[in-house]
Amino acid sequence: WTGQMWLFSWPFSVWGIFTWGQQASERWALERFASTSDVGQYTVVF
């Protein structure tokens, strides 16, 4: 079962790095180019 579940699961972890980057970059890009307040505004809309 360990081998079978790992073969099924590892793609999730690989693409999880990038999908997390996509989601996190929304907030951190606003923090960098706008302000923390803009992050709060966007988070409420989200």
All heavy atoms as atom14 arrays in JSON, in Angstrom:
{
  "sequence": "WTGQMWLFSWPFSVWGIFTWGQQASERWALERFASTSDVGQYTVVF",
  "atom14_mask": [
    [1, 1, 1, 1, 1, 1, 1, 1, 1, 1, 1, 1, 1, 1],
    [1, 1, 1, 1, 1, 1, 1, 0, 0, 0, 0, 0, 0, 0],
    [1, 1, 1, 1, 0, 0, 0, 0, 0, 0, 0, 0, 0, 0],
    [1, 1, 1, 1, 1, 1, 1, 1, 1, 0, 0, 0, 0, 0],
    [1, 1, 1, 1, 1, 1, 1, 1, 0, 0, 0, 0, 0, 0],
    [1, 1, 1, 1, 1, 1, 1, 1, 1, 1, 1, 1, 1, 1],
    [1, 1, 1, 1, 1, 1, 1, 1, 0, 0, 0, 0, 0, 0],
    [1, 1, 1, 1, 1, 1, 1, 1, 1, 1, 1, 0, 0, 0],
    [1, 1, 1, 1, 1, 1, 0, 0, 0, 0, 0, 0, 0, 0],
    [1, 1, 1, 1, 1, 1, 1, 1, 1, 1, 1, 1, 1, 1],
    [1, 1, 1, 1, 1, 1, 1, 0, 0, 0, 0, 0, 0, 0],
    [1, 1, 1, 1, 1, 1, 1, 1, 1, 1, 1, 0, 0, 0],
    [1, 1, 1, 1, 1, 1, 0, 0, 0, 0, 0, 0, 0, 0],
    [1, 1, 1, 1, 1, 1, 1, 0, 0, 0, 0, 0, 0, 0],
    [1, 1, 1, 1, 1, 1, 1, 1, 1, 1, 1, 1, 1, 1],
    [1, 1, 1, 1, 0, 0, 0, 0, 0, 0, 0, 0, 0, 0],
    [1, 1, 1, 1, 1, 1, 1, 1, 0, 0, 0, 0, 0, 0],
    [1, 1, 1, 1, 1, 1, 1, 1, 1, 1, 1, 0, 0, 0],
    [1, 1, 1, 1, 1, 1, 1, 0, 0, 0, 0, 0, 0, 0],
    [1, 1, 1, 1, 1, 1, 1, 1, 1, 1, 1, 1, 1, 1],
    [1, 1, 1, 1, 0, 0, 0, 0, 0, 0, 0, 0, 0, 0],
    [1, 1, 1, 1, 1, 1, 1, 1, 1, 0, 0, 0, 0, 0],
    [1, 1, 1, 1, 1, 1, 1, 1, 1, 0, 0, 0, 0, 0],
    [1, 1, 1, 1, 1, 0, 0, 0, 0, 0, 0, 0, 0, 0],
    [1, 1, 1, 1, 1, 1, 0, 0, 0, 0, 0, 0, 0, 0],
    [1, 1, 1, 1, 1, 1, 1, 1, 1, 0, 0, 0, 0, 0],
    [1, 1, 1, 1, 1, 1, 1, 1, 1, 1, 1, 0, 0, 0],
    [1, 1, 1, 1, 1, 1, 1, 1, 1, 1, 1, 1, 1, 1],
    [1, 1, 1, 1, 1, 0, 0, 0, 0, 0, 0, 0, 0, 0],
    [1, 1, 1, 1, 1, 1, 1, 1, 0, 0, 0, 0, 0, 0],
    [1, 1, 1, 1, 1, 1, 1, 1, 1, 0, 0, 0, 0, 0],
    [1, 1, 1, 1, 1, 1, 1, 1, 1, 1, 1, 0, 0, 0],
    [1, 1, 1, 1, 1, 1, 1, 1, 1, 1, 1, 0, 0, 0],
    [1, 1, 1, 1, 1, 0, 0, 0, 0, 0, 0, 0, 0, 0],
    [1, 1, 1, 1, 1, 1, 0, 0, 0, 0, 0, 0, 0, 0],
    [1, 1, 1, 1, 1, 1, 1, 0, 0, 0, 0, 0, 0, 0],
    [1, 1, 1, 1, 1, 1, 0, 0, 0, 0, 0, 0, 0, 0],
    [1, 1, 1, 1, 1, 1, 1, 1, 0, 0, 0, 0, 0, 0],
    [1, 1, 1, 1, 1, 1, 1, 0, 0, 0, 0, 0, 0, 0],
    [1, 1, 1, 1, 0, 0, 0, 0, 0, 0, 0, 0, 0, 0],
    [1, 1, 1, 1, 1, 1, 1, 1, 1, 0, 0, 0, 0, 0],
    [1, 1, 1, 1, 1, 1, 1, 1, 1, 1, 1, 1, 0, 0],
    [1, 1, 1, 1, 1, 1, 1, 0, 0, 0, 0, 0, 0, 0],
    [1, 1, 1, 1, 1, 1, 1, 0, 0, 0, 0, 0, 0, 0],
    [1, 1, 1, 1, 1, 1, 1, 0, 0, 0, 0, 0, 0, 0],
    [1, 1, 1, 1, 1, 1, 1, 1, 1, 1, 1, 0, 0, 0]
  ],
  "atom14_positions": [
    [[0.82, -1.2, 0.0], [0.0, 0.0, 0.0], [0.86, 1.27, 0.0], [0.5, 2.26, -0.63], [-0.94, 0.0, 1.21], [-1.98, -1.06, 1.16], [-2.11, -2.14, 1.98], [-3.05, -1.15, 0.22], [-3.19, -2.9, 1.62], [-3.79, -2.32, 0.54], [-3.47, -0.38, -0.86], [-4.91, -2.72, -0.18], [-4.58, -0.77, -1.58], [-5.29, -1.92, -1.24]],
    [[1.97, 1.23, 0.7], [2.84, 2.4, 0.72], [3.32, 2.76, -0.68], [3.27, 3.92, -1.1], [4.05, 2.15, 1.63], [3.6, 1.86, 2.96], [4.97, 3.37, 1.67], [0.0, 0.0, 0.0], [0.0, 0.0, 0.0], [0.0, 0.0, 0.0], [0.0, 0.0, 0.0], [0.0, 0.0, 0.0], [0.0, 0.0, 0.0], [0.0, 0.0, 0.0]],
    [[3.77, 1.74, -1.42], [4.23, 1.99, -2.78], [3.12, 2.48, -3.69], [3.31, 3.41, -4.48], [0.0, 0.0, 0.0], [0.0, 0.0, 0.0], [0.0, 0.0, 0.0], [0.0, 0.0, 0.0], [0.0, 0.0, 0.0], [0.0, 0.0, 0.0], [0.0, 0.0, 0.0], [0.0, 0.0, 0.0], [0.0, 0.0, 0.0], [0.0, 0.0, 0.0]],
    [[1.94, 1.86, -3.58], [0.83, 2.26, -4.44], [0.37, 3.68, -4.14], [0.13, 4.48, -5.06], [-0.34, 1.29, -4.25], [-0.07, -0.12, -4.77], [-1.29, -1.01, -4.62], [-2.35, -0.74, -5.17], [-1.15, -2.09, -3.86], [0.0, 0.0, 0.0], [0.0, 0.0, 0.0], [0.0, 0.0, 0.0], [0.0, 0.0, 0.0], [0.0, 0.0, 0.0]],
    [[0.25, 4.01, -2.85], [-0.2, 5.36, -2.5], [0.86, 6.4, -2.87], [0.52, 7.52, -3.27], [-0.55, 5.43, -1.01], [-1.9, 4.79, -0.68], [-2.49, 5.16, 0.98], [-1.44, 4.06, 1.95], [0.0, 0.0, 0.0], [0.0, 0.0, 0.0], [0.0, 0.0, 0.0], [0.0, 0.0, 0.0], [0.0, 0.0, 0.0], [0.0, 0.0, 0.0]],
    [[2.12, 6.04, -2.74], [3.17, 6.99, -3.11], [3.17, 7.25, -4.61], [3.31, 8.4, -5.05], [4.53, 6.49, -2.65], [5.66, 7.33, -3.15], [6.63, 6.98, -4.03], [5.92, 8.7, -2.82], [7.48, 8.02, -4.27], [7.07, 9.1, -3.53], [5.28, 9.62, -1.98], [7.59, 10.38, -3.43], [5.81, 10.91, -1.9], [6.95, 11.27, -2.62]],
    [[3.02, 6.2, -5.42], [2.96, 6.39, -6.86], [1.78, 7.28, -7.26], [1.87, 8.07, -8.21], [2.84, 5.03, -7.57], [4.11, 4.18, -7.62], [3.82, 2.81, -8.23], [5.2, 4.89, -8.42], [0.0, 0.0, 0.0], [0.0, 0.0, 0.0], [0.0, 0.0, 0.0], [0.0, 0.0, 0.0], [0.0, 0.0, 0.0], [0.0, 0.0, 0.0]],
    [[0.68, 7.16, -6.53], [-0.48, 8.01, -6.8], [-0.25, 9.43, -6.29], [-0.71, 10.4, -6.92], [-1.72, 7.4, -6.13], [-2.98, 8.19, -6.35], [-3.74, 8.0, -7.48], [-3.42, 9.11, -5.4], [-4.92, 8.72, -7.68], [-4.58, 9.84, -5.59], [-5.33, 9.63, -6.73], [0.0, 0.0, 0.0], [0.0, 0.0, 0.0], [0.0, 0.0, 0.0]],
    [[0.46, 9.57, -5.18], [0.51, 10.84, -4.46], [1.61, 11.79, -4.91], [1.46, 13.01, -4.8], [0.68, 10.58, -2.96], [-0.41, 9.84, -2.44], [0.0, 0.0, 0.0], [0.0, 0.0, 0.0], [0.0, 0.0, 0.0], [0.0, 0.0, 0.0], [0.0, 0.0, 0.0], [0.0, 0.0, 0.0], [0.0, 0.0, 0.0], [0.0, 0.0, 0.0]],
    [[2.76, 11.24, -5.39], [3.89, 12.13, -5.63], [3.61, 13.24, -6.65], [4.13, 14.37, -6.49], [5.15, 11.35, -6.01], [5.18, 10.75, -7.39], [4.91, 9.48, -7.73], [5.52, 11.43, -8.62], [5.05, 9.29, -9.09], [5.42, 10.48, -9.65], [5.9, 12.74, -8.93], [5.67, 10.8, -10.98], [6.15, 13.06, -10.27], [6.04, 12.09, -11.26]],
    [[2.78, 13.01, -7.69], [2.51, 14.14, -8.58], [1.82, 15.3, -7.87], [2.05, 16.47, -8.21], [1.59, 13.53, -9.66], [1.92, 12.07, -9.65], [2.18, 11.75, -8.22], [0.0, 0.0, 0.0], [0.0, 0.0, 0.0], [0.0, 0.0, 0.0], [0.0, 0.0, 0.0], [0.0, 0.0, 0.0], [0.0, 0.0, 0.0], [0.0, 0.0, 0.0]],
    [[0.98, 15.0, -6.86], [0.32, 16.07, -6.11], [1.35, 16.96, -5.42], [1.2, 18.18, -5.38], [-0.62, 15.46, -5.06], [-1.83, 14.78, -5.63], [-1.75, 13.49, -6.11], [-3.05, 15.43, -5.68], [-2.87, 12.84, -6.62], [-4.17, 14.8, -6.2], [-4.08, 13.51, -6.67], [0.0, 0.0, 0.0], [0.0, 0.0, 0.0], [0.0, 0.0, 0.0]],
    [[2.37, 16.33, -4.83], [3.39, 17.11, -4.14], [4.23, 17.93, -5.11], [4.62, 19.07, -4.79], [4.3, 16.17, -3.33], [3.57, 15.53, -2.3], [0.0, 0.0, 0.0], [0.0, 0.0, 0.0], [0.0, 0.0, 0.0], [0.0, 0.0, 0.0], [0.0, 0.0, 0.0], [0.0, 0.0, 0.0], [0.0, 0.0, 0.0], [0.0, 0.0, 0.0]],
    [[4.5, 17.38, -6.29], [5.29, 18.11, -7.28], [4.52, 19.33, -7.78], [5.02, 20.46, -7.76], [5.68, 17.2, -8.45], [6.35, 18.0, -9.56], [6.62, 16.1, -7.98], [0.0, 0.0, 0.0], [0.0, 0.0, 0.0], [0.0, 0.0, 0.0], [0.0, 0.0, 0.0], [0.0, 0.0, 0.0], [0.0, 0.0, 0.0], [0.0, 0.0, 0.0]],
    [[3.28, 19.11, -8.24], [2.55, 20.27, -8.74], [2.08, 21.16, -7.58], [1.79, 22.33, -7.77], [1.4, 19.88, -9.65], [0.18, 19.28, -9.02], [-0.58, 19.78, -8.01], [-0.46, 18.06, -9.41], [-1.65, 18.95, -7.73], [-1.6, 17.9, -8.58], [-0.21, 17.1, -10.39], [-2.47, 16.79, -8.69], [-1.07, 16.01, -10.5], [-2.18, 15.86, -9.66]],
    [[2.03, 20.6, -6.35], [1.65, 21.42, -5.2], [2.61, 22.56, -4.96], [2.22, 23.64, -4.5], [0.0, 0.0, 0.0], [0.0, 0.0, 0.0], [0.0, 0.0, 0.0], [0.0, 0.0, 0.0], [0.0, 0.0, 0.0], [0.0, 0.0, 0.0], [0.0, 0.0, 0.0], [0.0, 0.0, 0.0], [0.0, 0.0, 0.0], [0.0, 0.0, 0.0]],
    [[3.91, 22.36, -5.27], [4.89, 23.44, -5.13], [4.5, 24.62, -6.01], [4.53, 25.78, -5.59], [6.29, 22.93, -5.52], [6.73, 21.79, -4.59], [7.3, 24.07, -5.49], [8.0, 21.09, -5.03], [0.0, 0.0, 0.0], [0.0, 0.0, 0.0], [0.0, 0.0, 0.0], [0.0, 0.0, 0.0], [0.0, 0.0, 0.0], [0.0, 0.0, 0.0]],
    [[4.09, 24.32, -7.22], [3.77, 25.38, -8.18], [2.39, 25.98, -7.94], [2.21, 27.19, -8.07], [3.88, 24.82, -9.6], [5.26, 24.36, -9.96], [5.65, 23.05, -9.75], [6.19, 25.25, -10.48], [6.93, 22.61, -10.06], [7.47, 24.84, -10.8], [7.85, 23.51, -10.58], [0.0, 0.0, 0.0], [0.0, 0.0, 0.0], [0.0, 0.0, 0.0]],
    [[1.4, 25.14, -7.61], [0.07, 25.68, -7.33], [0.09, 26.52, -6.06], [-0.61, 27.54, -5.98], [-0.96, 24.56, -7.21], [-0.55, 23.62, -6.21], [-1.14, 23.83, -8.53], [0.0, 0.0, 0.0], [0.0, 0.0, 0.0], [0.0, 0.0, 0.0], [0.0, 0.0, 0.0], [0.0, 0.0, 0.0], [0.0, 0.0, 0.0], [0.0, 0.0, 0.0]],
    [[0.91, 26.11, -5.07], [1.06, 26.96, -3.9], [1.71, 28.29, -4.29], [1.29, 29.36, -3.83], [1.94, 26.27, -2.84], [2.31, 27.2, -1.72], [1.55, 27.53, -0.65], [3.52, 27.96, -1.62], [2.21, 28.45, 0.14], [3.43, 28.72, -0.43], [4.68, 28.06, -2.38], [4.45, 29.57, -0.02], [5.69, 28.9, -1.97], [5.57, 29.65, -0.8]],
    [[2.72, 28.22, -5.14], [3.37, 29.45, -5.59], [2.39, 30.38, -6.28], [2.44, 31.6, -6.09], [0.0, 0.0, 0.0], [0.0, 0.0, 0.0], [0.0, 0.0, 0.0], [0.0, 0.0, 0.0], [0.0, 0.0, 0.0], [0.0, 0.0, 0.0], [0.0, 0.0, 0.0], [0.0, 0.0, 0.0], [0.0, 0.0, 0.0], [0.0, 0.0, 0.0]],
    [[1.49, 29.81, -7.07], [0.49, 30.64, -7.75], [-0.42, 31.34, -6.74], [-0.71, 32.54, -6.86], [-0.32, 29.77, -8.72], [-1.32, 30.54, -9.58], [-2.65, 30.72, -8.88], [-3.11, 29.84, -8.15], [-3.29, 31.86, -9.1], [0.0, 0.0, 0.0], [0.0, 0.0, 0.0], [0.0, 0.0, 0.0], [0.0, 0.0, 0.0], [0.0, 0.0, 0.0]],
    [[-0.88, 30.58, -5.74], [-1.79, 31.16, -4.75], [-1.08, 32.16, -3.84], [-1.59, 33.24, -3.56], [-2.42, 30.04, -3.92], [-3.33, 29.13, -4.73], [-3.84, 27.96, -3.9], [-3.69, 27.92, -2.68], [-4.45, 26.99, -4.55], [0.0, 0.0, 0.0], [0.0, 0.0, 0.0], [0.0, 0.0, 0.0], [0.0, 0.0, 0.0], [0.0, 0.0, 0.0]],
    [[0.11, 31.78, -3.37], [0.83, 32.66, -2.44], [1.33, 33.92, -3.14], [1.39, 35.0, -2.53], [2.01, 31.91, -1.84], [0.0, 0.0, 0.0], [0.0, 0.0, 0.0], [0.0, 0.0, 0.0], [0.0, 0.0, 0.0], [0.0, 0.0, 0.0], [0.0, 0.0, 0.0], [0.0, 0.0, 0.0], [0.0, 0.0, 0.0], [0.0, 0.0, 0.0]],
    [[1.68, 33.8, -4.43], [2.23, 34.96, -5.14], [1.21, 36.08, -5.28], [1.58, 37.25, -5.45], [2.76, 34.55, -6.52], [1.71, 34.07, -7.35], [0.0, 0.0, 0.0], [0.0, 0.0, 0.0], [0.0, 0.0, 0.0], [0.0, 0.0, 0.0], [0.0, 0.0, 0.0], [0.0, 0.0, 0.0], [0.0, 0.0, 0.0], [0.0, 0.0, 0.0]],
    [[-0.09, 35.75, -5.24], [-1.11, 36.8, -5.27], [-0.9, 37.76, -4.1], [-0.91, 38.99, -4.27], [-2.51, 36.18, -5.2], [-2.88, 35.32, -6.38], [-4.23, 34.64, -6.21], [-4.72, 34.56, -5.06], [-4.8, 34.2, -7.22], [0.0, 0.0, 0.0], [0.0, 0.0, 0.0], [0.0, 0.0, 0.0], [0.0, 0.0, 0.0], [0.0, 0.0, 0.0]],
    [[-0.72, 37.2, -2.92], [-0.58, 38.03, -1.72], [0.82, 38.66, -1.61], [0.95, 39.85, -1.29], [-0.89, 37.18, -0.49], [-2.36, 36.79, -0.41], [-2.59, 35.59, 0.49], [-3.99, 35.31, 0.68], [-4.79, 34.71, -0.2], [-4.29, 34.33, -1.37], [-6.06, 34.5, 0.05], [0.0, 0.0, 0.0], [0.0, 0.0, 0.0], [0.0, 0.0, 0.0]],
    [[1.85, 37.86, -1.88], [3.21, 38.38, -1.71], [3.56, 39.4, -2.79], [4.36, 40.33, -2.55], [4.21, 37.24, -1.68], [4.14, 36.48, -0.39], [3.55, 35.27, -0.17], [4.68, 36.89, 0.87], [3.68, 34.89, 1.15], [4.37, 35.87, 1.81], [5.38, 38.01, 1.31], [4.74, 35.96, 3.15], [5.75, 38.09, 2.66], [5.43, 37.06, 3.55]],
    [[2.99, 39.26, -3.99], [3.22, 40.27, -5.03], [2.57, 41.59, -4.65], [3.15, 42.67, -4.86], [2.67, 39.78, -6.37], [0.0, 0.0, 0.0], [0.0, 0.0, 0.0], [0.0, 0.0, 0.0], [0.0, 0.0, 0.0], [0.0, 0.0, 0.0], [0.0, 0.0, 0.0], [0.0, 0.0, 0.0], [0.0, 0.0, 0.0], [0.0, 0.0, 0.0]],
    [[1.38, 41.53, -4.06], [0.73, 42.75, -3.58], [1.53, 43.37, -2.43], [1.66, 44.6, -2.34], [-0.69, 42.45, -3.12], [-1.76, 42.31, -4.22], [-3.09, 41.9, -3.61], [-1.92, 43.62, -4.97], [0.0, 0.0, 0.0], [0.0, 0.0, 0.0], [0.0, 0.0, 0.0], [0.0, 0.0, 0.0], [0.0, 0.0, 0.0], [0.0, 0.0, 0.0]],
    [[2.06, 42.52, -1.56], [2.9, 43.02, -0.47], [4.13, 43.74, -1.01], [4.54, 44.79, -0.48], [3.32, 41.84, 0.42], [4.42, 42.14, 1.41], [3.97, 42.99, 2.58], [2.75, 43.23, 2.72], [4.83, 43.44, 3.35], [0.0, 0.0, 0.0], [0.0, 0.0, 0.0], [0.0, 0.0, 0.0], [0.0, 0.0, 0.0], [0.0, 0.0, 0.0]],
    [[4.69, 43.21, -2.1], [5.92, 43.8, -2.66], [5.64, 45.07, -3.46], [6.35, 46.06, -3.33], [6.61, 42.76, -3.56], [7.78, 43.29, -4.38], [8.93, 43.74, -3.49], [10.05, 44.25, -4.27], [10.13, 45.48, -4.78], [9.14, 46.36, -4.57], [11.18, 45.87, -5.47], [0.0, 0.0, 0.0], [0.0, 0.0, 0.0], [0.0, 0.0, 0.0]],
    [[4.6, 45.06, -4.3], [4.38, 46.16, -5.22], [3.28, 47.12, -4.77], [3.15, 48.2, -5.36], [4.03, 45.62, -6.61], [5.14, 44.84, -7.25], [5.06, 43.47, -7.4], [6.29, 45.49, -7.71], [6.08, 42.74, -7.99], [7.32, 44.77, -8.29], [7.22, 43.39, -8.43], [0.0, 0.0, 0.0], [0.0, 0.0, 0.0], [0.0, 0.0, 0.0]],
    [[2.5, 46.75, -3.76], [1.45, 47.65, -3.26], [1.68, 47.86, -1.76], [2.57, 48.6, -1.37], [0.06, 47.07, -3.56], [0.0, 0.0, 0.0], [0.0, 0.0, 0.0], [0.0, 0.0, 0.0], [0.0, 0.0, 0.0], [0.0, 0.0, 0.0], [0.0, 0.0, 0.0], [0.0, 0.0, 0.0], [0.0, 0.0, 0.0], [0.0, 0.0, 0.0]],
    [[0.87, 47.2, -0.91], [1.02, 47.35, 0.53], [0.35, 46.18, 1.24], [-0.44, 45.45, 0.65], [0.41, 48.67, 1.01], [-1.01, 48.63, 0.85], [0.0, 0.0, 0.0], [0.0, 0.0, 0.0], [0.0, 0.0, 0.0], [0.0, 0.0, 0.0], [0.0, 0.0, 0.0], [0.0, 0.0, 0.0], [0.0, 0.0, 0.0], [0.0, 0.0, 0.0]],
    [[0.64, 46.05, 2.53], [0.0, 45.0, 3.33], [-1.5, 45.25, 3.43], [-2.3, 44.32, 3.49], [0.62, 44.93, 4.74], [2.04, 44.83, 4.63], [0.1, 43.73, 5.5], [0.0, 0.0, 0.0], [0.0, 0.0, 0.0], [0.0, 0.0, 0.0], [0.0, 0.0, 0.0], [0.0, 0.0, 0.0], [0.0, 0.0, 0.0], [0.0, 0.0, 0.0]],
    [[-1.91, 46.52, 3.44], [-3.34, 46.85, 3.46], [-4.03, 46.35, 2.21], [-5.17, 45.87, 2.26], [-3.53, 48.36, 3.61], [-3.08, 48.81, 4.87], [0.0, 0.0, 0.0], [0.0, 0.0, 0.0], [0.0, 0.0, 0.0], [0.0, 0.0, 0.0], [0.0, 0.0, 0.0], [0.0, 0.0, 0.0], [0.0, 0.0, 0.0], [0.0, 0.0, 0.0]],
    [[-3.35, 46.47, 1.05], [-3.93, 45.95, -0.19], [-4.07, 44.42, -0.13], [-5.01, 43.86, -0.69], [-3.05, 46.35, -1.38], [-3.21, 47.81, -1.73], [-4.35, 48.26, -1.86], [-2.18, 48.5, -1.85], [0.0, 0.0, 0.0], [0.0, 0.0, 0.0], [0.0, 0.0, 0.0], [0.0, 0.0, 0.0], [0.0, 0.0, 0.0], [0.0, 0.0, 0.0]],
    [[-3.13, 43.77, 0.55], [-3.24, 42.32, 0.75], [-4.51, 42.02, 1.54], [-5.26, 41.09, 1.23], [-2.01, 41.75, 1.47], [-2.17, 40.26, 1.71], [-0.75, 42.02, 0.67], [0.0, 0.0, 0.0], [0.0, 0.0, 0.0], [0.0, 0.0, 0.0], [0.0, 0.0, 0.0], [0.0, 0.0, 0.0], [0.0, 0.0, 0.0], [0.0, 0.0, 0.0]],
    [[-4.77, 42.81, 2.59], [-5.97, 42.61, 3.38], [-7.23, 42.85, 2.57], [-8.21, 42.09, 2.68], [0.0, 0.0, 0.0], [0.0, 0.0, 0.0], [0.0, 0.0, 0.0], [0.0, 0.0, 0.0], [0.0, 0.0, 0.0], [0.0, 0.0, 0.0], [0.0, 0.0, 0.0], [0.0, 0.0, 0.0], [0.0, 0.0, 0.0], [0.0, 0.0, 0.0]],
    [[-7.24, 43.9, 1.76], [-8.4, 44.18, 0.9], [-8.66, 43.03, -0.06], [-9.8, 42.57, -0.22], [-8.16, 45.48, 0.11], [-8.11, 46.74, 0.94], [-9.49, 47.26, 1.31], [-10.52, 46.73, 0.9], [-9.51, 48.31, 2.12], [0.0, 0.0, 0.0], [0.0, 0.0, 0.0], [0.0, 0.0, 0.0], [0.0, 0.0, 0.0], [0.0, 0.0, 0.0]],
    [[-7.59, 42.57, -0.71], [-7.75, 41.47, -1.66], [-8.22, 40.2, -0.97], [-9.07, 39.46, -1.51], [-6.44, 41.21, -2.4], [-6.5, 39.97, -3.26], [-7.17, 39.98, -4.48], [-5.9, 38.78, -2.85], [-7.25, 38.83, -5.26], [-5.97, 37.65, -3.63], [-6.64, 37.67, -4.83], [-6.72, 36.54, -5.6], [0.0, 0.0, 0.0], [0.0, 0.0, 0.0]],
    [[-7.7, 39.93, 0.22], [-8.07, 38.7, 0.93], [-9.55, 38.68, 1.26], [-10.2, 37.63, 1.17], [-7.23, 38.57, 2.22], [-5.85, 38.57, 1.88], [-7.57, 37.29, 2.96], [0.0, 0.0, 0.0], [0.0, 0.0, 0.0], [0.0, 0.0, 0.0], [0.0, 0.0, 0.0], [0.0, 0.0, 0.0], [0.0, 0.0, 0.0], [0.0, 0.0, 0.0]],
    [[-10.11, 39.82, 1.63], [-11.54, 39.87, 1.92], [-12.36, 39.59, 0.66], [-13.34, 38.83, 0.7], [-11.91, 41.24, 2.52], [-13.43, 41.42, 2.55], [-11.35, 41.36, 3.94], [0.0, 0.0, 0.0], [0.0, 0.0, 0.0], [0.0, 0.0, 0.0], [0.0, 0.0, 0.0], [0.0, 0.0, 0.0], [0.0, 0.0, 0.0], [0.0, 0.0, 0.0]],
    [[-11.98, 40.18, -0.46], [-12.68, 39.91, -1.72], [-12.56, 38.44, -2.08], [-13.54, 37.8, -2.52], [-12.11, 40.78, -2.86], [-12.79, 40.44, -4.19], [-12.3, 42.25, -2.54], [0.0, 0.0, 0.0], [0.0, 0.0, 0.0], [0.0, 0.0, 0.0], [0.0, 0.0, 0.0], [0.0, 0.0, 0.0], [0.0, 0.0, 0.0], [0.0, 0.0, 0.0]],
    [[-11.38, 37.88, -1.88], [-11.15, 36.46, -2.16], [-12.05, 35.59, -1.29], [-12.66, 34.62, -1.76], [-9.68, 36.15, -1.9], [-9.27, 34.73, -2.2], [-8.87, 34.38, -3.48], [-9.29, 33.75, -1.22], [-8.49, 33.07, -3.78], [-8.92, 32.45, -1.5], [-8.52, 32.11, -2.78], [0.0, 0.0, 0.0], [0.0, 0.0, 0.0], [0.0, 0.0, 0.0]]
  ]
}
